[in-house]
C-alpha atoms as a PDB file:
ATOM      1  CA  MET A   1     225.998 265.139 125.389  1.00  0.00           C
ATOM      2  CA  SER A   2     224.060 262.938 122.971  1.00  0.00           C
ATOM      3  CA  GLU A   3     220.898 261.116 123.964  1.00  0.00           C
ATOM      4  CA  ALA A   4     222.580 257.747 123.339  1.00  0.00           C
ATOM      5  CA  LYS A   5     225.269 258.575 125.938  1.00  0.00           C
ATOM      6  CA  ALA A   6     222.989 260.323 128.432  1.00  0.00           C
ATOM      7  CA  ILE A   7     220.281 257.674 128.580  1.00  0.00           C
ATOM      8  CA  ALA A   8     220.875 254.014 129.392  1.00  0.00           C
ATOM      9  CA  PRO A   9     219.631 251.446 126.859  1.00  0.00           C
ATOM     10  CA  LEU A  10     215.987 250.486 127.347  1.00  0.00           C
ATOM     11  CA  SER A  11     216.811 246.857 128.137  1.00  0.00           C
ATOM     12  CA  ASP A  12     219.191 247.893 130.936  1.00  0.00           C
ATOM     13  CA  ALA A  13     216.681 250.362 132.369  1.00  0.00           C
ATOM     14  CA  MET A  14     213.901 247.758 132.288  1.00  0.00           C
ATOM     15  CA  SER A  15     216.146 245.192 133.975  1.00  0.00           C
ATOM     16  CA  ARG A  16     217.010 247.588 136.773  1.00  0.00           C
ATOM     17  CA  GLY A  17     213.368 248.558 137.169  1.00  0.00           C
ATOM     18  CA  ALA A  18     212.275 244.911 137.281  1.00  0.00           C
ATOM     19  CA  GLU A  19     214.909 244.141 139.905  1.00  0.00           C
ATOM     20  CA  ALA A  20     213.740 247.020 142.083  1.00  0.00           C
ATOM     21  CA  ILE A  21     210.123 245.885 141.797  1.00  0.00           C
ATOM     22  CA  GLU A  22     211.116 242.301 142.593  1.00  0.00           C
ATOM     23  CA  GLN A  23     212.898 243.385 145.768  1.00  0.00           C
ATOM     24  CA  PHE A  24     209.969 245.517 146.878  1.00  0.00           C
ATOM     25  CA  LEU A  25     207.392 242.794 146.254  1.00  0.00           C
ATOM     26  CA  ASP A  26     209.600 240.290 148.062  1.00  0.00           C
ATOM     27  CA  SER A  27     209.571 242.529 151.147  1.00  0.00           C
ATOM     28  CA  VAL A  28     205.814 243.181 150.982  1.00  0.00           C
ATOM     29  CA  LEU A  29     204.953 239.498 150.548  1.00  0.00           C
ATOM     30  CA  THR A  30     207.172 238.053 153.287  1.00  0.00           C
ATOM     31  CA  PRO A  31     205.340 234.984 154.662  1.00  0.00           C
ATOM     32  CA  PRO A  32     204.317 235.096 158.314  1.00  0.00           C
ATOM     33  CA  GLU A  33     204.517 232.161 160.682  1.00  0.00           C
ATOM     34  CA  GLY A  34     201.468 229.949 160.864  1.00  0.00           C
ATOM     35  CA  PRO A  35     199.020 228.325 158.445  1.00  0.00           C
ATOM     36  CA  GLU A  36     198.396 231.578 156.537  1.00  0.00           C
ATOM     37  CA  ALA A  37     201.923 231.188 155.178  1.00  0.00           C
ATOM     38  CA  ARG A  38     200.404 228.994 152.447  1.00  0.00           C
ATOM     39  CA  LEU A  39     198.462 232.019 151.201  1.00  0.00           C
ATOM     40  CA  PHE A  40     201.595 234.174 151.095  1.00  0.00           C
ATOM     41  CA  ASN A  41     203.544 231.449 149.320  1.00  0.00           C
ATOM     42  CA  SER A  42     200.806 231.275 146.699  1.00  0.00           C
ATOM     43  CA  MET A  43     200.924 235.061 146.308  1.00  0.00           C
ATOM     44  CA  ARG A  44     204.705 234.947 145.935  1.00  0.00           C
ATOM     45  CA  TYR A  45     204.497 232.104 143.432  1.00  0.00           C
ATOM     46  CA  SER A  46     202.638 234.289 140.951  1.00  0.00           C
ATOM     47  CA  SER A  47     204.318 237.600 141.775  1.00  0.00           C
ATOM     48  CA  LEU A  48     208.041 236.900 142.041  1.00  0.00           C
ATOM     49  CA  GLY A  49     210.635 235.583 139.643  1.00  0.00           C
ATOM     50  CA  GLY A  50     209.004 236.428 136.324  1.00  0.00           C
ATOM     51  CA  GLY A  51     207.179 238.895 134.157  1.00  0.00           C
ATOM     52  CA  LYS A  52     208.284 241.874 132.101  1.00  0.00           C
ATOM     53  CA  ARG A  53     207.249 244.409 134.787  1.00  0.00           C
ATOM     54  CA  MET A  54     206.239 246.757 131.979  1.00  0.00           C
ATOM     55  CA  ARG A  55     203.453 248.433 133.939  1.00  0.00           C
ATOM     56  CA  PRO A  56     205.562 249.535 136.925  1.00  0.00           C
ATOM     57  CA  PHE A  57     208.272 250.600 134.482  1.00  0.00           C
ATOM     58  CA  LEU A  58     205.736 252.893 132.834  1.00  0.00           C
ATOM     59  CA  THR A  59     204.901 254.350 136.242  1.00  0.00           C
ATOM     60  CA  MET A  60     208.527 254.967 137.111  1.00  0.00           C
ATOM     61  CA  GLN A  61     209.331 256.504 133.739  1.00  0.00           C
ATOM     62  CA  SER A  62     206.275 258.757 133.668  1.00  0.00           C
ATOM     63  CA  ALA A  63     207.056 259.878 137.231  1.00  0.00           C
ATOM     64  CA  ARG A  64     210.586 260.824 136.222  1.00  0.00           C
ATOM     65  CA  LEU A  65     209.162 263.289 133.711  1.00  0.00           C
ATOM     66  CA  PHE A  66     208.065 265.357 136.725  1.00  0.00           C
ATOM     67  CA  GLY A  67     211.018 264.824 139.048  1.00  0.00           C
ATOM     68  CA  VAL A  68     209.223 262.392 141.368  1.00  0.00           C
ATOM     69  CA  PRO A  69     211.583 260.513 143.732  1.00  0.00           C
ATOM     70  CA  ASP A  70     212.131 256.936 142.575  1.00  0.00           C
ATOM     71  CA  SER A  71     211.113 255.588 145.990  1.00  0.00           C
ATOM     72  CA  ARG A  72     207.579 256.955 145.562  1.00  0.00           C
ATOM     73  CA  ALA A  73     207.241 255.889 141.944  1.00  0.00           C
ATOM     74  CA  LEU A  74     208.437 252.411 142.891  1.00  0.00           C
ATOM     75  CA  ARG A  75     205.620 252.012 145.400  1.00  0.00           C
ATOM     76  CA  ALA A  76     202.968 253.195 142.956  1.00  0.00           C
ATOM     77  CA  GLY A  77     204.372 250.918 140.251  1.00  0.00           C
ATOM     78  CA  ALA A  78     204.419 247.979 142.636  1.00  0.00           C
ATOM     79  CA  ALA A  79     200.753 248.562 143.440  1.00  0.00           C
ATOM     80  CA  VAL A  80     199.940 248.348 139.737  1.00  0.00           C
ATOM     81  CA  GLU A  81     201.977 245.154 139.452  1.00  0.00           C
ATOM     82  CA  LEU A  82     200.178 243.584 142.426  1.00  0.00           C
ATOM     83  CA  VAL A  83     196.857 244.176 140.676  1.00  0.00           C
ATOM     84  CA  HIS A  84     198.261 242.771 137.433  1.00  0.00           C
ATOM     85  CA  CYS A  85     199.520 239.617 139.172  1.00  0.00           C
ATOM     86  CA  TYR A  86     196.161 239.098 140.870  1.00  0.00           C
ATOM     87  CA  SER A  87     194.416 239.384 137.507  1.00  0.00           C
ATOM     88  CA  LEU A  88     196.652 236.727 135.960  1.00  0.00           C
ATOM     89  CA  ILE A  89     195.855 234.265 138.751  1.00  0.00           C
ATOM     90  CA  HIS A  90     192.116 234.753 138.302  1.00  0.00           C
ATOM     91  CA  ASP A  91     192.330 234.780 134.486  1.00  0.00           C
ATOM     92  CA  ASP A  92     193.919 231.320 134.534  1.00  0.00           C
ATOM     93  CA  LEU A  93     191.170 229.750 136.667  1.00  0.00           C
ATOM     94  CA  PRO A  94     188.953 227.079 135.055  1.00  0.00           C
ATOM     95  CA  ALA A  95     185.940 229.394 135.214  1.00  0.00           C
ATOM     96  CA  MET A  96     187.812 232.064 133.237  1.00  0.00           C
ATOM     97  CA  ASP A  97     190.463 231.334 130.584  1.00  0.00           C
ATOM     98  CA  ASP A  98     191.310 227.881 132.003  1.00  0.00           C
ATOM     99  CA  ASP A  99     195.076 228.012 131.448  1.00  0.00           C
ATOM    100  CA  ASP A 100     197.304 225.360 132.994  1.00  0.00           C
ATOM    101  CA  PHE A 101     200.545 227.295 132.499  1.00  0.00           C
ATOM    102  CA  ARG A 102     201.725 230.848 133.049  1.00  0.00           C
ATOM    103  CA  ARG A 103     205.248 232.149 132.431  1.00  0.00           C
ATOM    104  CA  GLY A 104     206.479 228.651 131.683  1.00  0.00           C
ATOM    105  CA  LYS A 105     205.302 227.023 134.926  1.00  0.00           C
ATOM    106  CA  PRO A 106     202.019 225.607 136.238  1.00  0.00           C
ATOM    107  CA  SER A 107     199.329 228.219 136.857  1.00  0.00           C
ATOM    108  CA  ASN A 108     198.648 229.111 140.480  1.00  0.00           C
ATOM    109  CA  HIS A 109     195.544 226.947 140.766  1.00  0.00           C
ATOM    110  CA  LYS A 110     197.549 223.999 139.412  1.00  0.00           C
ATOM    111  CA  ALA A 111     200.476 224.561 141.755  1.00  0.00           C
ATOM    112  CA  TYR A 112     198.143 225.024 144.739  1.00  0.00           C
ATOM    113  CA  ASP A 113     194.375 224.645 144.253  1.00  0.00           C
ATOM    114  CA  ASP A 114     191.434 226.720 143.036  1.00  0.00           C
ATOM    115  CA  ALA A 115     190.470 228.045 146.460  1.00  0.00           C
ATOM    116  CA  THR A 116     194.002 229.082 147.375  1.00  0.00           C
ATOM    117  CA  ALA A 117     194.441 230.731 143.976  1.00  0.00           C
ATOM    118  CA  ILE A 118     191.265 232.771 144.439  1.00  0.00           C
ATOM    119  CA  LEU A 119     192.365 233.888 147.903  1.00  0.00           C
ATOM    120  CA  ALA A 120     195.869 234.716 146.659  1.00  0.00           C
ATOM    121  CA  GLY A 121     194.388 236.926 143.959  1.00  0.00           C
ATOM    122  CA  ASP A 122     192.094 238.616 146.465  1.00  0.00           C
ATOM    123  CA  ALA A 123     195.016 239.252 148.817  1.00  0.00           C
ATOM    124  CA  LEU A 124     197.240 240.685 146.074  1.00  0.00           C
ATOM    125  CA  LEU A 125     194.470 243.076 145.046  1.00  0.00           C
ATOM    126  CA  THR A 126     193.959 244.399 148.556  1.00  0.00           C
ATOM    127  CA  SER A 127     197.722 244.604 149.133  1.00  0.00           C
ATOM    128  CA  ALA A 128     197.944 247.015 146.207  1.00  0.00           C
ATOM    129  CA  PHE A 129     195.729 249.544 147.982  1.00  0.00           C
ATOM    130  CA  GLU A 130     197.611 249.069 151.247  1.00  0.00           C
ATOM    131  CA  VAL A 131     200.810 250.040 149.419  1.00  0.00           C
ATOM    132  CA  LEU A 132     199.225 253.068 147.730  1.00  0.00           C
ATOM    133  CA  ALA A 133     197.573 254.375 150.911  1.00  0.00           C
ATOM    134  CA  HIS A 134     200.827 254.353 152.908  1.00  0.00           C
ATOM    135  CA  SER A 135     202.410 257.735 153.604  1.00  0.00           C
ATOM    136  CA  ASP A 136     205.682 256.543 152.057  1.00  0.00           C
ATOM    137  CA  THR A 137     203.942 256.610 148.652  1.00  0.00           C
ATOM    138  CA  HIS A 138     203.365 260.362 149.003  1.00  0.00           C
ATOM    139  CA  PRO A 139     203.251 262.618 152.076  1.00  0.00           C
ATOM    140  CA  GLU A 140     200.047 264.338 150.913  1.00  0.00           C
ATOM    141  CA  GLY A 141     196.797 262.519 151.566  1.00  0.00           C
ATOM    142  CA  ASP A 142     195.070 264.112 148.572  1.00  0.00           C
ATOM    143  CA  VAL A 143     197.678 262.639 146.229  1.00  0.00           C
ATOM    144  CA  ARG A 144     197.349 259.192 147.780  1.00  0.00           C
ATOM    145  CA  SER A 145     193.563 259.446 147.553  1.00  0.00           C
ATOM    146  CA  GLU A 146     193.775 260.322 143.856  1.00  0.00           C
ATOM    147  CA  LEU A 147     196.041 257.319 143.276  1.00  0.00           C
ATOM    148  CA  VAL A 148     193.649 254.974 145.078  1.00  0.00           C
ATOM    149  CA  LEU A 149     190.687 256.366 143.137  1.00  0.00           C
ATOM    150  CA  GLY A 150     192.515 255.966 139.824  1.00  0.00           C
ATOM    151  CA  LEU A 151     193.569 252.390 140.479  1.00  0.00           C
ATOM    152  CA  THR A 152     190.082 251.489 141.708  1.00  0.00           C
ATOM    153  CA  ARG A 153     188.574 252.727 138.449  1.00  0.00           C
ATOM    154  CA  ALA A 154     191.204 251.011 136.306  1.00  0.00           C
ATOM    155  CA  ALA A 155     190.868 247.658 138.050  1.00  0.00           C
ATOM    156  CA  GLY A 156     187.146 247.521 138.737  1.00  0.00           C
ATOM    157  CA  ALA A 157     183.831 247.102 136.967  1.00  0.00           C
ATOM    158  CA  ASN A 158     184.429 250.097 134.709  1.00  0.00           C
ATOM    159  CA  GLY A 159     187.917 248.884 133.853  1.00  0.00           C
ATOM    160  CA  MET A 160     189.760 245.570 133.907  1.00  0.00           C
ATOM    161  CA  VAL A 161     187.040 243.456 135.566  1.00  0.00           C
ATOM    162  CA  GLY A 162     184.352 244.907 133.324  1.00  0.00           C
ATOM    163  CA  GLY A 163     186.482 244.100 130.294  1.00  0.00           C
ATOM    164  CA  GLN A 164     186.843 240.506 131.451  1.00  0.00           C
ATOM    165  CA  MET A 165     183.062 240.230 131.797  1.00  0.00           C
ATOM    166  CA  ILE A 166     182.486 241.525 128.273  1.00  0.00           C
ATOM    167  CA  ASP A 167     185.218 239.193 127.019  1.00  0.00           C
ATOM    168  CA  LEU A 168     183.390 236.192 128.476  1.00  0.00           C
ATOM    169  CA  LEU A 169     180.082 237.314 126.981  1.00  0.00           C
ATOM    170  CA  ALA A 170     181.684 237.993 123.594  1.00  0.00           C
ATOM    171  CA  GLU A 171     182.262 234.272 123.060  1.00  0.00           C
ATOM    172  CA  ASP A 172     178.541 234.049 122.243  1.00  0.00           C
ATOM    173  CA  MET A 173     178.349 237.287 120.256  1.00  0.00           C
ATOM    174  CA  ASP A 174     179.251 238.385 116.735  1.00  0.00           C
ATOM    175  CA  ALA A 175     182.112 240.570 117.859  1.00  0.00           C
ATOM    176  CA  ASP A 176     183.501 243.225 115.520  1.00  0.00           C
ATOM    177  CA  VAL A 177     186.687 245.289 115.749  1.00  0.00           C
ATOM    178  CA  SER A 178     184.875 247.995 117.729  1.00  0.00           C
ATOM    179  CA  LEU A 179     183.766 245.541 120.409  1.00  0.00           C
ATOM    180  CA  ILE A 180     187.164 243.838 120.607  1.00  0.00           C
ATOM    181  CA  SER A 181     188.838 247.236 120.929  1.00  0.00           C
ATOM    182  CA  ARG A 182     186.498 248.145 123.782  1.00  0.00           C
ATOM    183  CA  ILE A 183     187.145 244.857 125.548  1.00  0.00           C
ATOM    184  CA  GLN A 184     190.891 245.310 125.355  1.00  0.00           C
ATOM    185  CA  ARG A 185     190.845 248.986 126.331  1.00  0.00           C
ATOM    186  CA  LEU A 186     189.098 247.880 129.515  1.00  0.00           C
ATOM    187  CA  LYS A 187     190.642 244.471 130.174  1.00  0.00           C
ATOM    188  CA  THR A 188     194.261 245.312 129.304  1.00  0.00           C
ATOM    189  CA  GLY A 189     194.467 249.002 128.514  1.00  0.00           C
ATOM    190  CA  ALA A 190     192.876 250.467 131.641  1.00  0.00           C
ATOM    191  CA  LEU A 191     195.635 249.230 133.942  1.00  0.00           C
ATOM    192  CA  ILE A 192     198.366 250.269 131.509  1.00  0.00           C
ATOM    193  CA  ALA A 193     196.759 253.702 131.272  1.00  0.00           C
ATOM    194  CA  PHE A 194     196.721 254.059 135.044  1.00  0.00           C
ATOM    195  CA  ALA A 195     200.364 252.982 135.230  1.00  0.00           C
ATOM    196  CA  CYS A 196     201.247 256.143 133.276  1.00  0.00           C
ATOM    197  CA  GLU A 197     198.647 258.256 135.036  1.00  0.00           C
ATOM    198  CA  ALA A 198     200.088 257.297 138.430  1.00  0.00           C
ATOM    199  CA  GLY A 199     203.404 258.942 137.594  1.00  0.00           C
ATOM    200  CA  ALA A 200     201.575 262.084 136.523  1.00  0.00           C
ATOM    201  CA  ILE A 201     199.504 262.119 139.719  1.00  0.00           C
ATOM    202  CA  LEU A 202     202.627 261.752 141.861  1.00  0.00           C
ATOM    203  CA  GLY A 203     204.223 264.600 139.928  1.00  0.00           C
ATOM    204  CA  LYS A 204     201.148 266.863 140.016  1.00  0.00           C
ATOM    205  CA  ALA A 205     201.235 267.171 136.239  1.00  0.00           C
ATOM    206  CA  ASN A 206     199.084 269.711 134.447  1.00  0.00           C
ATOM    207  CA  ASP A 207     196.063 268.739 132.352  1.00  0.00           C
ATOM    208  CA  GLU A 208     197.944 268.875 129.041  1.00  0.00           C
ATOM    209  CA  GLN A 209     200.647 266.555 130.336  1.00  0.00           C
ATOM    210  CA  LYS A 210     198.115 264.143 131.796  1.00  0.00           C
ATOM    211  CA  GLU A 211     196.159 264.038 128.549  1.00  0.00           C
ATOM    212  CA  ALA A 212     199.314 263.351 126.515  1.00  0.00           C
ATOM    213  CA  LEU A 213     200.213 260.417 128.756  1.00  0.00           C
ATOM    214  CA  ARG A 214     196.610 259.175 128.705  1.00  0.00           C
ATOM    215  CA  ARG A 215     196.543 259.137 124.907  1.00  0.00           C
ATOM    216  CA  TYR A 216     199.978 257.543 124.761  1.00  0.00           C
ATOM    217  CA  SER A 217     199.074 254.785 127.205  1.00  0.00           C
ATOM    218  CA  ASN A 218     195.729 254.038 125.536  1.00  0.00           C
ATOM    219  CA  ASP A 219     197.457 253.382 122.217  1.00  0.00           C
ATOM    220  CA  VAL A 220     200.304 251.415 123.788  1.00  0.00           C
ATOM    221  CA  GLY A 221     197.795 249.238 125.643  1.00  0.00           C
ATOM    222  CA  LEU A 222     195.849 248.429 122.488  1.00  0.00           C
ATOM    223  CA  ALA A 223     199.043 247.769 120.513  1.00  0.00           C
ATOM    224  CA  PHE A 224     200.212 245.480 123.319  1.00  0.00           C
ATOM    225  CA  GLN A 225     197.019 243.428 123.090  1.00  0.00           C
ATOM    226  CA  ILE A 226     197.205 243.147 119.311  1.00  0.00           C
ATOM    227  CA  LYS A 227     200.744 241.825 119.737  1.00  0.00           C
ATOM    228  CA  ASP A 228     199.434 239.307 122.281  1.00  0.00           C
ATOM    229  CA  ASP A 229     196.913 238.115 119.691  1.00  0.00           C
ATOM    230  CA  LEU A 230     199.689 237.823 117.109  1.00  0.00           C
ATOM    231  CA  LEU A 231     201.835 235.827 119.523  1.00  0.00           C
ATOM    232  CA  ASP A 232     198.920 233.530 120.302  1.00  0.00           C
ATOM    233  CA  THR A 233     198.555 232.903 116.564  1.00  0.00           C
ATOM    234  CA  LEU A 234     202.185 232.807 115.443  1.00  0.00           C
ATOM    235  CA  GLY A 235     204.176 232.080 118.595  1.00  0.00           C
ATOM    236  CA  LYS A 236     205.367 228.861 120.198  1.00  0.00           C
ATOM    237  CA  ALA A 237     204.246 227.723 123.642  1.00  0.00           C
ATOM    238  CA  GLU A 238     207.829 227.107 124.781  1.00  0.00           C
ATOM    239  CA  ASP A 239     208.756 230.698 123.946  1.00  0.00           C
ATOM    240  CA  ILE A 240     205.653 232.372 125.346  1.00  0.00           C
ATOM    241  CA  GLY A 241     205.350 230.250 128.491  1.00  0.00           C
ATOM    242  CA  LYS A 242     201.725 229.217 128.011  1.00  0.00           C
ATOM    243  CA  ALA A 243     199.543 227.436 125.481  1.00  0.00           C
ATOM    244  CA  THR A 244     199.011 229.117 122.115  1.00  0.00           C
ATOM    245  CA  GLN A 245     196.058 229.038 119.695  1.00  0.00           C
ATOM    246  CA  LYS A 246     193.652 228.848 122.646  1.00  0.00           C
ATOM    247  CA  ASP A 247     191.567 231.820 121.540  1.00  0.00           C
ATOM    248  CA  ALA A 248     191.140 230.444 118.043  1.00  0.00           C
ATOM    249  CA  ASP A 249     190.329 226.966 119.344  1.00  0.00           C
ATOM    250  CA  ALA A 250     187.687 228.461 121.648  1.00  0.00           C
ATOM    251  CA  GLY A 251     186.187 230.468 118.800  1.00  0.00           C
ATOM    252  CA  LYS A 252     186.986 233.728 120.580  1.00  0.00           C
ATOM    253  CA  ALA A 253     187.118 236.852 118.429  1.00  0.00           C
ATOM    254  CA  THR A 254     190.544 238.490 118.300  1.00  0.00           C
ATOM    255  CA  PHE A 255     192.185 241.251 116.282  1.00  0.00           C
ATOM    256  CA  VAL A 256     194.059 238.662 114.250  1.00  0.00           C
ATOM    257  CA  GLY A 257     190.928 236.617 113.630  1.00  0.00           C
ATOM    258  CA  LEU A 258     188.989 239.666 112.453  1.00  0.00           C
ATOM    259  CA  LEU A 259     191.709 241.530 110.583  1.00  0.00           C
ATOM    260  CA  GLY A 260     194.193 238.846 109.537  1.00  0.00           C
ATOM    261  CA  VAL A 261     197.872 238.774 110.493  1.00  0.00           C
ATOM    262  CA  GLU A 262     199.110 241.450 108.096  1.00  0.00           C
ATOM    263  CA  GLU A 263     196.455 244.040 108.873  1.00  0.00           C
ATOM    264  CA  ALA A 264     196.771 243.365 112.615  1.00  0.00           C
ATOM    265  CA  GLN A 265     200.523 244.002 112.374  1.00  0.00           C
ATOM    266  CA  GLN A 266     199.893 247.213 110.463  1.00  0.00           C
ATOM    267  CA  ARG A 267     197.393 248.417 113.041  1.00  0.00           C
ATOM    268  CA  ALA A 268     199.807 247.695 115.881  1.00  0.00           C
ATOM    269  CA  GLU A 269     202.534 249.669 114.076  1.00  0.00           C
ATOM    270  CA  LEU A 270     200.163 252.588 113.520  1.00  0.00           C
ATOM    271  CA  LEU A 271     199.203 252.638 117.193  1.00  0.00           C
ATOM    272  CA  CYS A 272     202.870 252.538 118.167  1.00  0.00           C
ATOM    273  CA  GLN A 273     203.722 255.532 115.989  1.00  0.00           C
ATOM    274  CA  GLN A 274     200.674 257.430 117.194  1.00  0.00           C
ATOM    275  CA  ALA A 275     201.565 256.755 120.834  1.00  0.00           C
ATOM    276  CA  ILE A 276     205.087 258.057 120.295  1.00  0.00           C
ATOM    277  CA  SER A 277     203.745 261.258 118.723  1.00  0.00           C
ATOM    278  CA  TYR A 278     201.900 262.147 121.938  1.00  0.00           C
ATOM    279  CA  LEU A 279     205.206 262.288 123.836  1.00  0.00           C
ATOM    280  CA  GLU A 280     206.578 265.191 121.825  1.00  0.00           C
ATOM    281  CA  ILE A 281     205.822 267.704 124.578  1.00  0.00           C
ATOM    282  CA  PHE A 282     208.227 265.877 126.921  1.00  0.00           C
ATOM    283  CA  GLY A 283     211.215 265.981 124.594  1.00  0.00           C
ATOM    284  CA  ASP A 284     214.194 263.704 125.208  1.00  0.00           C
ATOM    285  CA  ASN A 285     213.037 262.944 128.768  1.00  0.00           C
ATOM    286  CA  ALA A 286     210.476 260.514 127.332  1.00  0.00           C
ATOM    287  CA  ALA A 287     213.037 258.389 125.471  1.00  0.00           C
ATOM    288  CA  HIS A 288     212.274 255.224 127.453  1.00  0.00           C
ATOM    289  CA  LEU A 289     208.533 255.720 127.084  1.00  0.00           C
ATOM    290  CA  ARG A 290     209.075 255.859 123.331  1.00  0.00           C
ATOM    291  CA  GLY A 291     211.104 252.683 123.618  1.00  0.00           C
ATOM    292  CA  ILE A 292     208.302 250.932 125.500  1.00  0.00           C
ATOM    293  CA  ALA A 293     205.902 251.709 122.651  1.00  0.00           C
ATOM    294  CA  ARG A 294     208.213 249.860 120.279  1.00  0.00           C
ATOM    295  CA  PHE A 295     208.821 247.092 122.811  1.00  0.00           C
ATOM    296  CA  ALA A 296     205.060 246.508 123.022  1.00  0.00           C
ATOM    297  CA  ILE A 297     204.912 245.420 119.378  1.00  0.00           C
ATOM    298  CA  ASP A 298     208.443 244.072 118.796  1.00  0.00           C
ATOM    299  CA  ARG A 299     208.599 241.679 121.783  1.00  0.00           C
ATOM    300  CA  ARG A 300     208.626 237.911 121.287  1.00  0.00           C
ATOM    301  CA  THR A 301     206.901 236.884 124.556  1.00  0.00           C
END
């Protein structure tokens, strides 16, 4: 049977994956009775009904390479998505990127208020570790512990949060491509890398397999960020769902600002092709992971 017949189109697979994640997050974030319901509603506002769900899709697809049950991969992917949603809430705050819109609607702090938005982000972050630590994620405690450790590193001071700190400081620095690459490998790439690593951890992959996925995800993450910079420069706010040209207006160094549009596009394409090459050891089973590499640079939002 040909690959085209055996494997569903990427768009269909991503839609099904996003729907599964949506249903899981809906169940995890069910509001309780009482005044704390406002917190849960704020969490749901920024977690449900939108987003590409690329990170959990990476987890589910990498897990399938090793025969991991979908129910376990779904939980690990949802944990990654909870961290991602928390980061978006905090990124939009006035003290950070100061964005009034996200995914075509008012940012969380605009829909609620700054304090509620901060608490919603905090709660989403801690919920991620509650999901990972549950025995339904994997029956073996050592596997769950490795997942928690990996997500902690990806999301914390040596990962996403550290990248955000450097990004804030870089506004007053003469940033070059090396510094911007480091910022994005931490701020954006670390969580994408863990999304792939989580599937490998669940599947008890060997070192060669883990390294291939690590290299793949690092390049996909950087290509994804370059595409974000291109969209901020060339895209329209109504298509992207938030204001464009903000980085340029703020004088922030970006790949596009340093390299120009054409060279930035070329670099993203090179990273895409390089990422795909790392998947060779997985054969046809990695078809959707190859598709995600192209999606990262071909998307329009």
